[in-house]
Structures are given as C-alpha cells and as structure tokens.
C-alpha atoms as a PDB file:
ATOM      1  CA  MET A   1      26.490   1.057 -23.379  1.00  0.00           C
ATOM      2  CA  SER A   2      23.813   3.623 -22.463  1.00  0.00           C
ATOM      3  CA  GLY A   3      23.983   2.896 -18.735  1.00  0.00           C
ATOM      4  CA  LEU A   4      20.172   2.798 -18.557  1.00  0.00           C
ATOM      5  CA  ARG A   5      18.032   0.106 -16.972  1.00  0.00           C
ATOM      6  CA  VAL A   6      14.381  -0.846 -17.225  1.00  0.00           C
ATOM      7  CA  VAL A   7      12.439  -1.211 -13.953  1.00  0.00           C
ATOM      8  CA  PRO A   8       8.950  -2.790 -14.146  1.00  0.00           C
ATOM      9  CA  THR A   9       6.266  -1.758 -11.644  1.00  0.00           C
ATOM     10  CA  TRP A  10       2.727  -2.998 -11.107  1.00  0.00           C
ATOM     11  CA  ARG A  11      -0.284  -1.161  -9.711  1.00  0.00           C
ATOM     12  CA  HIS A  12      -3.863  -2.458  -9.782  1.00  0.00           C
ATOM     13  CA  GLY A  13      -2.879  -5.033 -12.394  1.00  0.00           C
ATOM     14  CA  GLN A  14      -1.377  -2.456 -14.770  1.00  0.00           C
ATOM     15  CA  GLU A  15       2.292  -2.549 -15.727  1.00  0.00           C
ATOM     16  CA  ARG A  16       4.602   0.387 -16.353  1.00  0.00           C
ATOM     17  CA  LEU A  17       8.231   0.112 -17.379  1.00  0.00           C
ATOM     18  CA  TYR A  18      10.448   2.922 -16.107  1.00  0.00           C
ATOM     19  CA  VAL A  19      13.771   3.778 -17.737  1.00  0.00           C
ATOM     20  CA  CYS A  20      16.293   4.868 -15.116  1.00  0.00           C
ATOM     21  CA  ARG A  21      19.880   6.025 -14.993  1.00  0.00           C
ATOM     22  CA  ARG A  22      22.337   4.240 -12.711  1.00  0.00           C
ATOM     23  CA  ASP A  23      21.631   6.774  -9.965  1.00  0.00           C
ATOM     24  CA  GLY A  24      17.908   5.878 -10.049  1.00  0.00           C
ATOM     25  CA  HIS A  25      16.747   9.056 -11.815  1.00  0.00           C
ATOM     26  CA  ASN A  26      13.824   8.386 -14.173  1.00  0.00           C
ATOM     27  CA  LEU A  27      14.130   9.419 -17.815  1.00  0.00           C
ATOM     28  CA  ALA A  28      10.955   7.891 -19.253  1.00  0.00           C
ATOM     29  CA  TRP A  29       8.238   5.311 -18.762  1.00  0.00           C
ATOM     30  CA  TYR A  30       6.436   2.970 -21.098  1.00  0.00           C
ATOM     31  CA  ASP A  31       2.720   2.484 -20.582  1.00  0.00           C
ATOM     32  CA  ARG A  32       2.000  -0.685 -22.507  1.00  0.00           C
ATOM     33  CA  GLU A  33      -1.776  -0.447 -22.136  1.00  0.00           C
ATOM     34  CA  ALA A  34      -1.834   3.107 -23.515  1.00  0.00           C
ATOM     35  CA  GLY A  35       0.790   2.293 -26.162  1.00  0.00           C
ATOM     36  CA  ARG A  36       2.858   5.314 -25.171  1.00  0.00           C
ATOM     37  CA  ILE A  37       6.458   6.033 -24.212  1.00  0.00           C
ATOM     38  CA  ASN A  38       6.577   9.167 -22.087  1.00  0.00           C
ATOM     39  CA  LEU A  39       9.907  11.007 -22.336  1.00  0.00           C
ATOM     40  CA  LEU A  40      11.030  13.377 -19.605  1.00  0.00           C
ATOM     41  CA  SER A  41      14.017  14.495 -21.673  1.00  0.00           C
ATOM     42  CA  GLU A  42      14.513  14.560 -25.449  1.00  0.00           C
ATOM     43  CA  GLU A  43      18.299  14.480 -25.014  1.00  0.00           C
ATOM     44  CA  ARG A  44      18.364  10.716 -24.447  1.00  0.00           C
ATOM     45  CA  ARG A  45      15.479   9.804 -26.712  1.00  0.00           C
ATOM     46  CA  GLU A  46      17.458   7.310 -28.802  1.00  0.00           C
ATOM     47  CA  ASP A  47      18.972   5.617 -25.737  1.00  0.00           C
ATOM     48  CA  VAL A  48      15.528   5.262 -24.145  1.00  0.00           C
ATOM     49  CA  LEU A  49      14.017   3.768 -27.300  1.00  0.00           C
ATOM     50  CA  GLU A  50      16.937   1.365 -27.633  1.00  0.00           C
ATOM     51  CA  VAL A  51      16.720   0.019 -24.082  1.00  0.00           C
ATOM     52  CA  LEU A  52      12.922  -0.302 -24.301  1.00  0.00           C
ATOM     53  CA  GLY A  53      13.064  -2.011 -27.695  1.00  0.00           C
ATOM     54  CA  PRO A  54      12.839  -5.615 -26.398  1.00  0.00           C
ATOM     55  CA  PHE A  55       9.799  -4.714 -24.261  1.00  0.00           C
ATOM     56  CA  VAL A  56       7.693  -2.775 -26.750  1.00  0.00           C
ATOM     57  CA  THR A  57       4.697  -4.613 -28.192  1.00  0.00           C
ATOM     58  CA  GLY A  58       2.785  -3.057 -31.067  1.00  0.00           C
ATOM     59  CA  PRO A  59       2.768   0.555 -32.237  1.00  0.00           C
ATOM     60  CA  VAL A  60       3.629   3.258 -29.718  1.00  0.00           C
ATOM     61  CA  THR A  61       3.440   7.025 -29.437  1.00  0.00           C
ATOM     62  CA  VAL A  62       6.605   8.728 -28.204  1.00  0.00           C
ATOM     63  CA  GLY A  63       6.612  12.152 -26.612  1.00  0.00           C
ATOM     64  CA  PRO A  64       6.513  14.176 -23.420  1.00  0.00           C
ATOM     65  CA  PRO A  65       4.030  13.061 -20.761  1.00  0.00           C
ATOM     66  CA  PRO A  66       0.627  14.749 -20.774  1.00  0.00           C
ATOM     67  CA  VAL A  67       0.765  17.703 -18.358  1.00  0.00           C
ATOM     68  CA  PRO A  68       1.973  15.927 -15.204  1.00  0.00           C
ATOM     69  CA  THR A  69       0.355  16.709 -11.883  1.00  0.00           C
ATOM     70  CA  PRO A  70       2.506  17.695  -8.880  1.00  0.00           C
ATOM     71  CA  ALA A  71       1.915  14.216  -7.422  1.00  0.00           C
ATOM     72  CA  GLU A  72       3.155  12.551 -10.612  1.00  0.00           C
ATOM     73  CA  LEU A  73       6.260  14.719 -10.610  1.00  0.00           C
ATOM     74  CA  ALA A  74       6.925  13.733  -6.985  1.00  0.00           C
ATOM     75  CA  ARG A  75       6.570  10.080  -7.896  1.00  0.00           C
ATOM     76  CA  LEU A  76       8.916  10.363 -10.853  1.00  0.00           C
ATOM     77  CA  SER A  77      11.587  11.929  -8.646  1.00  0.00           C
ATOM     78  CA  LEU A  78      11.619   8.886  -6.353  1.00  0.00           C
ATOM     79  CA  HIS A  79      14.208   6.161  -6.719  1.00  0.00           C
ATOM     80  CA  PRO A  80      12.313   2.909  -7.483  1.00  0.00           C
ATOM     81  CA  ASP A  81      13.691   1.321  -4.306  1.00  0.00           C
ATOM     82  CA  ASP A  82      12.186   4.143  -2.215  1.00  0.00           C
ATOM     83  CA  ASP A  83       8.721   4.103  -3.817  1.00  0.00           C
ATOM     84  CA  LEU A  84       6.178   2.150  -1.748  1.00  0.00           C
ATOM     85  CA  ALA A  85       3.321   2.577  -4.240  1.00  0.00           C
ATOM     86  CA  PRO A  86       4.045  -0.668  -6.155  1.00  0.00           C
ATOM     87  CA  ASN A  87       3.785  -2.745  -2.954  1.00  0.00           C
ATOM     88  CA  ARG A  88       1.187  -5.488  -3.237  1.00  0.00           C
ATOM     89  CA  PRO A  89      -1.170  -6.297  -0.359  1.00  0.00           C
ATOM     90  CA  GLY A  90       0.863  -8.445   2.011  1.00  0.00           C
ATOM     91  CA  GLU A  91       4.130  -7.536   0.264  1.00  0.00           C
ATOM     92  CA  ALA A  92       6.288  -8.271   3.320  1.00  0.00           C
ATOM     93  CA  LEU A  93       4.640 -11.671   3.823  1.00  0.00           C
ATOM     94  CA  LEU A  94       5.009 -12.550   0.145  1.00  0.00           C
ATOM     95  CA  ILE A  95       8.732 -11.829   0.382  1.00  0.00           C
ATOM     96  CA  SER A  96       9.018 -13.811   3.625  1.00  0.00           C
ATOM     97  CA  LEU A  97       7.262 -16.856   2.134  1.00  0.00           C
ATOM     98  CA  ASP A  98       9.349 -16.642  -1.014  1.00  0.00           C
ATOM     99  CA  ARG A  99      12.578 -16.632   0.986  1.00  0.00           C
ATOM    100  CA  ASP A 100      11.466 -19.286   3.475  1.00  0.00           C
ATOM    101  CA  PRO A 101       8.444 -21.322   2.326  1.00  0.00           C
ATOM    102  CA  GLY A 102       8.700 -23.584   5.375  1.00  0.00           C
ATOM    103  CA  PRO A 103       8.345 -27.377   5.356  1.00  0.00           C
ATOM    104  CA  ALA A 104       6.124 -28.908   2.688  1.00  0.00           C
ATOM    105  CA  HIS A 105       4.086 -30.803   5.263  1.00  0.00           C
ATOM    106  CA  ARG A 106       2.995 -29.143   8.498  1.00  0.00           C
ATOM    107  CA  LEU A 107       0.689 -30.292  11.242  1.00  0.00           C
ATOM    108  CA  ARG A 108      -0.831 -26.817  11.296  1.00  0.00           C
ATOM    109  CA  PRO A 109      -1.149 -24.248   8.510  1.00  0.00           C
ATOM    110  CA  ASP A 110       1.607 -21.655   8.309  1.00  0.00           C
ATOM    111  CA  PRO A 111       0.195 -18.573  10.139  1.00  0.00           C
ATOM    112  CA  ARG A 112       1.906 -16.351   7.580  1.00  0.00           C
ATOM    113  CA  ARG A 113      -0.383 -17.693   4.866  1.00  0.00           C
ATOM    114  CA  ARG A 114      -3.494 -16.885   6.888  1.00  0.00           C
ATOM    115  CA  ALA A 115      -2.195 -13.406   7.586  1.00  0.00           C
ATOM    116  CA  LEU A 116      -1.423 -12.998   3.884  1.00  0.00           C
ATOM    117  CA  ALA A 117      -4.940 -14.054   2.914  1.00  0.00           C
ATOM    118  CA  ALA A 118      -6.339 -11.435   5.292  1.00  0.00           C
ATOM    119  CA  GLU A 119      -4.148  -8.633   3.949  1.00  0.00           C
ATOM    120  CA  GLN A 120      -4.942  -9.552   0.356  1.00  0.00           C
ATOM    121  CA  ALA A 121      -8.695  -9.591   0.976  1.00  0.00           C
ATOM    122  CA  VAL A 122      -8.665  -6.169   2.626  1.00  0.00           C
ATOM    123  CA  GLY A 123      -6.101  -4.767   0.205  1.00  0.00           C
ATOM    124  CA  GLU A 124      -8.113  -5.718  -2.853  1.00  0.00           C
ATOM    125  CA  ALA A 125     -11.198  -4.038  -1.412  1.00  0.00           C
ATOM    126  CA  LEU A 126      -9.247  -0.868  -0.669  1.00  0.00           C
ATOM    127  CA  ASP A 127      -7.639  -0.756  -4.107  1.00  0.00           C
ATOM    128  CA  ARG A 128     -11.111  -0.519  -5.626  1.00  0.00           C
ATOM    129  CA  LEU A 129     -11.431   2.928  -4.024  1.00  0.00           C
ATOM    130  CA  ASP A 130      -8.635   4.303  -6.185  1.00  0.00           C
ATOM    131  CA  GLY A 131     -10.948   5.790  -8.800  1.00  0.00           C
ATOM    132  CA  ALA A 132     -12.916   7.694  -6.164  1.00  0.00           C
ATOM    133  CA  GLY A 133     -10.092   9.977  -5.094  1.00  0.00           C
ATOM    134  CA  TRP A 134      -8.499   7.548  -2.632  1.00  0.00           C
ATOM    135  CA  HIS A 135      -5.017   6.022  -2.515  1.00  0.00           C
ATOM    136  CA  THR A 136      -3.854   2.951  -0.595  1.00  0.00           C
ATOM    137  CA  LEU A 137      -0.301   1.993   0.283  1.00  0.00           C
ATOM    138  CA  HIS A 138       0.337  -1.580   1.402  1.00  0.00           C
ATOM    139  CA  SER A 139       2.921  -3.038   3.774  1.00  0.00           C
ATOM    140  CA  VAL A 140       4.335   0.320   4.878  1.00  0.00           C
ATOM    141  CA  PRO A 141       7.580  -0.380   6.790  1.00  0.00           C
ATOM    142  CA  LEU A 142       8.188   1.119  10.223  1.00  0.00           C
ATOM    143  CA  PRO A 143      11.496   1.233  12.112  1.00  0.00           C
ATOM    144  CA  GLY A 144      12.180  -1.873  14.160  1.00  0.00           C
ATOM    145  CA  GLY A 145      10.632  -4.327  11.697  1.00  0.00           C
ATOM    146  CA  ASP A 146       6.999  -3.342  12.282  1.00  0.00           C
ATOM    147  CA  ARG A 147       4.713  -2.267   9.452  1.00  0.00           C
ATOM    148  CA  ILE A 148       1.325  -0.791   8.709  1.00  0.00           C
ATOM    149  CA  HIS A 149      -0.719  -3.323   6.759  1.00  0.00           C
ATOM    150  CA  HIS A 150      -2.604  -0.673   4.768  1.00  0.00           C
ATOM    151  CA  LEU A 151      -2.446   3.128   4.786  1.00  0.00           C
ATOM    152  CA  VAL A 152      -5.495   4.740   3.165  1.00  0.00           C
ATOM    153  CA  ILE A 153      -5.530   8.406   2.110  1.00  0.00           C
ATOM    154  CA  GLY A 154      -8.583  10.145   0.703  1.00  0.00           C
ATOM    155  CA  PRO A 155     -11.284  12.794   1.134  1.00  0.00           C
ATOM    156  CA  GLY A 156     -12.267  11.261   4.480  1.00  0.00           C
ATOM    157  CA  GLY A 157      -8.744  11.554   5.907  1.00  0.00           C
ATOM    158  CA  LEU A 158      -5.975   9.072   6.636  1.00  0.00           C
ATOM    159  CA  PHE A 159      -6.496   5.589   8.073  1.00  0.00           C
ATOM    160  CA  ALA A 160      -3.991   2.974   9.232  1.00  0.00           C
ATOM    161  CA  LEU A 161      -5.562  -0.482   8.892  1.00  0.00           C
ATOM    162  CA  HIS A 162      -4.403  -3.586  10.714  1.00  0.00           C
ATOM    163  CA  THR A 163      -5.938  -6.804   9.383  1.00  0.00           C
ATOM    164  CA  LEU A 164      -6.764  -9.918  11.395  1.00  0.00           C
ATOM    165  CA  TYR A 165      -7.592 -13.323   9.933  1.00  0.00           C
ATOM    166  CA  ALA A 166     -10.712 -14.517  11.767  1.00  0.00           C
ATOM    167  CA  ARG A 167     -12.299 -17.029   9.415  1.00  0.00           C
ATOM    168  CA  LYS A 168     -15.368 -18.657  11.020  1.00  0.00           C
ATOM    169  CA  GLN A 169     -14.254 -17.419  14.433  1.00  0.00           C
ATOM    170  CA  ARG A 170     -16.106 -15.358  16.988  1.00  0.00           C
ATOM    171  CA  VAL A 171     -14.265 -12.141  17.766  1.00  0.00           C
ATOM    172  CA  THR A 172     -14.703 -10.321  21.062  1.00  0.00           C
ATOM    173  CA  VAL A 173     -13.298  -6.826  21.454  1.00  0.00           C
ATOM    174  CA  ALA A 174     -12.890  -5.467  24.981  1.00  0.00           C
ATOM    175  CA  ASP A 175     -10.573  -2.481  24.732  1.00  0.00           C
ATOM    176  CA  PRO A 176      -7.630  -2.975  24.542  1.00  0.00           C
ATOM    177  CA  VAL A 177      -7.815  -6.762  24.155  1.00  0.00           C
ATOM    178  CA  VAL A 178      -9.128  -8.793  21.236  1.00  0.00           C
ATOM    179  CA  THR A 179     -10.128 -12.430  21.651  1.00  0.00           C
ATOM    180  CA  LEU A 180     -10.296 -14.722  18.644  1.00  0.00           C
ATOM    181  CA  GLY A 181     -12.377 -17.837  19.271  1.00  0.00           C
ATOM    182  CA  ARG A 182     -10.958 -19.756  22.210  1.00  0.00           C
ATOM    183  CA  ARG A 183      -7.470 -18.354  21.906  1.00  0.00           C
ATOM    184  CA  ASP A 184      -5.829 -16.223  24.555  1.00  0.00           C
ATOM    185  CA  SER A 185      -6.756 -12.555  24.481  1.00  0.00           C
ATOM    186  CA  GLN A 186      -4.199 -10.146  23.039  1.00  0.00           C
ATOM    187  CA  PRO A 187      -3.944  -6.352  23.597  1.00  0.00           C
ATOM    188  CA  LEU A 188      -4.126  -5.836  19.839  1.00  0.00           C
ATOM    189  CA  LEU A 189      -5.786  -2.421  19.956  1.00  0.00           C
ATOM    190  CA  ARG A 190      -2.679  -0.990  21.599  1.00  0.00           C
ATOM    191  CA  ARG A 191      -0.662  -1.948  18.549  1.00  0.00           C
ATOM    192  CA  VAL A 192      -3.332  -0.632  16.180  1.00  0.00           C
ATOM    193  CA  ARG A 193      -3.284   2.735  17.965  1.00  0.00           C
ATOM    194  CA  ALA A 194       0.516   2.784  18.156  1.00  0.00           C
ATOM    195  CA  ASP A 195       0.861   2.191  14.402  1.00  0.00           C
ATOM    196  CA  ALA A 196      -1.520   5.069  13.678  1.00  0.00           C
ATOM    197  CA  ASP A 197       0.346   7.337  16.107  1.00  0.00           C
ATOM    198  CA  ARG A 198       3.659   6.548  14.424  1.00  0.00           C
ATOM    199  CA  ALA A 199       2.140   7.287  11.021  1.00  0.00           C
ATOM    200  CA  SER A 200       0.765  10.585  12.316  1.00  0.00           C
ATOM    201  CA  TYR A 201       4.217  11.564  13.524  1.00  0.00           C
ATOM    202  CA  ALA A 202       5.913  10.671  10.223  1.00  0.00           C
ATOM    203  CA  LEU A 203       3.336  12.440   8.055  1.00  0.00           C
ATOM    204  CA  THR A 204       2.572  15.307  10.449  1.00  0.00           C
ATOM    205  CA  ALA A 205      -1.134  14.635   9.882  1.00  0.00           C
ATOM    206  CA  GLU A 206      -3.860  12.869  11.831  1.00  0.00           C
ATOM    207  CA  VAL A 207      -4.017   9.149  11.025  1.00  0.00           C
ATOM    208  CA  ARG A 208      -6.921   7.194  12.468  1.00  0.00           C
ATOM    209  CA  PRO A 209      -6.557   3.541  13.535  1.00  0.00           C
ATOM    210  CA  VAL A 210      -8.758   0.782  12.095  1.00  0.00           C
ATOM    211  CA  LEU A 211      -8.901  -2.937  12.882  1.00  0.00           C
ATOM    212  CA  ALA A 212     -10.200  -4.947   9.913  1.00  0.00           C
ATOM    213  CA  LEU A 213     -11.566  -8.422  10.722  1.00  0.00           C
ATOM    214  CA  VAL A 214     -11.528 -10.864   7.820  1.00  0.00           C
ATOM    215  CA  ALA A 215     -14.287 -13.483   7.480  1.00  0.00           C
ATOM    216  CA  ALA A 216     -15.304 -13.368  11.164  1.00  0.00           C
ATOM    217  CA  ALA A 217     -18.360 -15.431  12.099  1.00  0.00           C
ATOM    218  CA  ASP A 218     -19.462 -12.934  14.744  1.00  0.00           C
ATOM    219  CA  VAL A 219     -18.113  -9.710  16.235  1.00  0.00           C
ATOM    220  CA  THR A 220     -18.918  -8.513  19.753  1.00  0.00           C
ATOM    221  CA  ILE A 221     -17.700  -5.234  21.188  1.00  0.00           C
ATOM    222  CA  THR A 222     -18.221  -5.451  24.927  1.00  0.00           C
ATOM    223  CA  ALA A 223     -17.455  -1.874  25.917  1.00  0.00           C
ATOM    224  CA  PRO A 224     -18.412   0.571  23.187  1.00  0.00           C
ATOM    225  CA  PRO A 225     -17.594   3.184  22.194  1.00  0.00           C
ATOM    226  CA  LEU A 226     -13.970   2.257  21.571  1.00  0.00           C
ATOM    227  CA  ARG A 227     -11.451   5.029  22.071  1.00  0.00           C
ATOM    228  CA  GLU A 228     -10.378   6.257  18.632  1.00  0.00           C
ATOM    229  CA  VAL A 229     -10.249   2.803  16.984  1.00  0.00           C
ATOM    230  CA  ARG A 230     -12.785   1.705  14.374  1.00  0.00           C
ATOM    231  CA  VAL A 231     -13.478  -2.032  14.092  1.00  0.00           C
ATOM    232  CA  LEU A 232     -14.718  -3.131  10.662  1.00  0.00           C
ATOM    233  CA  ARG A 233     -15.412  -6.409   8.925  1.00  0.00           C
ATOM    234  CA  ASP A 234     -13.606  -6.926   5.637  1.00  0.00           C
ATOM    235  CA  THR A 235     -16.935  -6.426   3.844  1.00  0.00           C
ATOM    236  CA  GLU A 236     -17.235  -2.965   5.417  1.00  0.00           C
ATOM    237  CA  VAL A 237     -13.839  -1.436   4.634  1.00  0.00           C
ATOM    238  CA  ARG A 238     -14.997  -0.032   1.290  1.00  0.00           C
ATOM    239  CA  GLY A 239     -17.382   2.114   3.304  1.00  0.00           C
ATOM    240  CA  LEU A 240     -14.390   4.324   4.098  1.00  0.00           C
ATOM    241  CA  GLY A 241     -14.749   5.567   0.537  1.00  0.00           C
ATOM    242  CA  ARG A 242     -18.081   7.159   1.400  1.00  0.00           C
ATOM    243  CA  THR A 243     -16.514   9.458   3.983  1.00  0.00           C
ATOM    244  CA  GLY A 244     -15.378  12.949   3.087  1.00  0.00           C
ATOM    245  CA  GLY A 245     -15.101  16.536   4.194  1.00  0.00           C
ATOM    246  CA  VAL A 246     -11.643  16.190   5.712  1.00  0.00           C
ATOM    247  CA  LEU A 247      -9.090  16.576   2.902  1.00  0.00           C
ATOM    248  CA  LYS A 248      -9.174  18.487  -0.359  1.00  0.00           C
ATOM    249  CA  PRO A 249      -8.002  16.677  -3.530  1.00  0.00           C
ATOM    250  CA  ALA A 250      -4.723  18.617  -3.566  1.00  0.00           C
ATOM    251  CA  ASP A 251      -4.065  17.628   0.066  1.00  0.00           C
ATOM    252  CA  VAL A 252      -4.795  13.975  -0.714  1.00  0.00           C
ATOM    253  CA  GLU A 253      -2.300  13.989  -3.578  1.00  0.00           C
ATOM    254  CA  ALA A 254       0.355  15.776  -1.540  1.00  0.00           C
ATOM    255  CA  LEU A 255       0.041  13.366   1.399  1.00  0.00           C
ATOM    256  CA  HIS A 256       0.072  10.371  -0.929  1.00  0.00           C
ATOM    257  CA  ALA A 257       3.230  11.633  -2.637  1.00  0.00           C
ATOM    258  CA  MET A 258       4.835  12.061   0.781  1.00  0.00           C
ATOM    259  CA  ALA A 259       3.681   8.744   2.239  1.00  0.00           C
ATOM    260  CA  ARG A 260       4.895   6.652  -0.680  1.00  0.00           C
ATOM    261  CA  ASP A 261       8.503   7.718  -0.006  1.00  0.00           C
ATOM    262  CA  ARG A 262      10.129   4.988   2.101  1.00  0.00           C
ATOM    263  CA  ARG A 263      12.548   7.514   3.603  1.00  0.00           C
ATOM    264  CA  VAL A 264       9.689   9.408   5.256  1.00  0.00           C
ATOM    265  CA  TRP A 265       8.972   6.438   7.501  1.00  0.00           C
ATOM    266  CA  SER A 266      12.391   6.471   9.113  1.00  0.00           C
ATOM    267  CA  ALA A 267      10.935   9.263  11.274  1.00  0.00           C
ATOM    268  CA  ALA A 268       8.165   6.995  12.575  1.00  0.00           C
ATOM    269  CA  GLY A 269      10.250   5.609  15.398  1.00  0.00           C
END
C-alpha cells in the first residue's frame, strides 16, 4: 500500500484532486479540466499515478507544476482540513442542514434556509470578482462558534461581509440597530463591527465591516453617515471590485494565503 489518499476540492465550480500523504502533506494534484497531473516530487511519481488512476479521464500531461507563485506554495503546504478556500457560500449552514434537516413539515420556513439563500446569493456575486485580483473566503470560523459570512481580499482592501435575508421587506438602519419589516430591532451593526475587528486582530490588517442586504424591498438609513460600516444591497456588492489603491497584488496574495489557514483564526478571540 502506498499510504496515499486522494482529496477532492472545489472552487468556482472547478475540481482539483490532491494526492496527500497520511500526515496531510501534498505530493501532487490533478487538474481534470487542464488534463494535467502536477507532481511536487518525482520520487513518488509511480505511487501518485497509481492512486489517481481510477479518477483520471482522458489523456493527461504529467510533470512539475508551472512555476508556482508564493501564494500557491503556501496553499500546497496547508493540510486539507486547515484550508478554508474550498468552503462554499453558506458552508456552515449546509453542514448544519445536512446533519439536522429538521421536520419535513413546518408551520414556518426553517430560518437556516433563508440565511443560506442570502449567503449563497452574496457569495456567488463575490466569487465573480476572482478574475479581477480579488479573493473571497466563505464561512470563516471564529472562536466561540461565530463566523464571518464572507471575507473579501483585493486591491481595495479587506472586507468582512455579514449577510441578511430581507426578501420583500423594508429595512431600517439606525446605528447600531437594524429593523427588518415589523420585527423587533436588533443591534446587528455591533456584531458586524465586532466580526471585522476580530478579523483585523487575526490578520494584523485593517478589515472593514459590511452589511449586505439580500432582496430588500426598501432600505432606509436614518442617521447617516454610519460609523465605519457600509450597508449594501446584494446587487451592489460587486461594486467592491471597482475599489483599489489600498493593497498591491503581492499583498493581496500574501493576505489571502494567510487568511485561508484555519489555524490563523484561533487568534481572533
């Protein structure tokens, strides 16, 4: 037995199969779309090809990866369980619903499904920024069971987005409270700011807070300007991609490589 295992990952609809040792160290990855097996070490070439055999479809090129960037090297050094990059929008909610779907018939819709719809809508919009020098991490875990819905890193800086499902509802923002329709007001902006502050501490970089409202019928901000927090509709979040002048490409890649490491977030207490 070679002692190797194949770990599939998904990002923006593209699949990569990583070949790892028992200790989690990566030896190679198979990019099915490119038809290429990238070897990090020739010493275990035959073992890698053997374990990937059942997964290979069509002709492939085998060889060393094309001149890896520092960010790619950082990613390859991560154990798959510590890499947050493959997280889907709403990853934590997807896991929760898979483990406990709830009763088949409910008088009211499961609030987790509405929250999931909101995170998926915003997440899909943010993922479209990837080709413009931006990176988005979804469902970033924080100590104590909290999480950042979306962390966006790009030329315009770092942003921690909290999404709120507001379909056909009127939203009133009066710092720090947010009122959704006729529901009781909640001091949501305090949490949005706190999440960004915790991210700033973990990454030792400024992270700006954003509240993203999904499918709101109307948005009223009663006491502008809001302190530090940006409030955006889901149709406006892609506008973050038009900001710049804060981070250089090398800084973006370095921060992304750092932020995707789950262990970094243990310092965000």
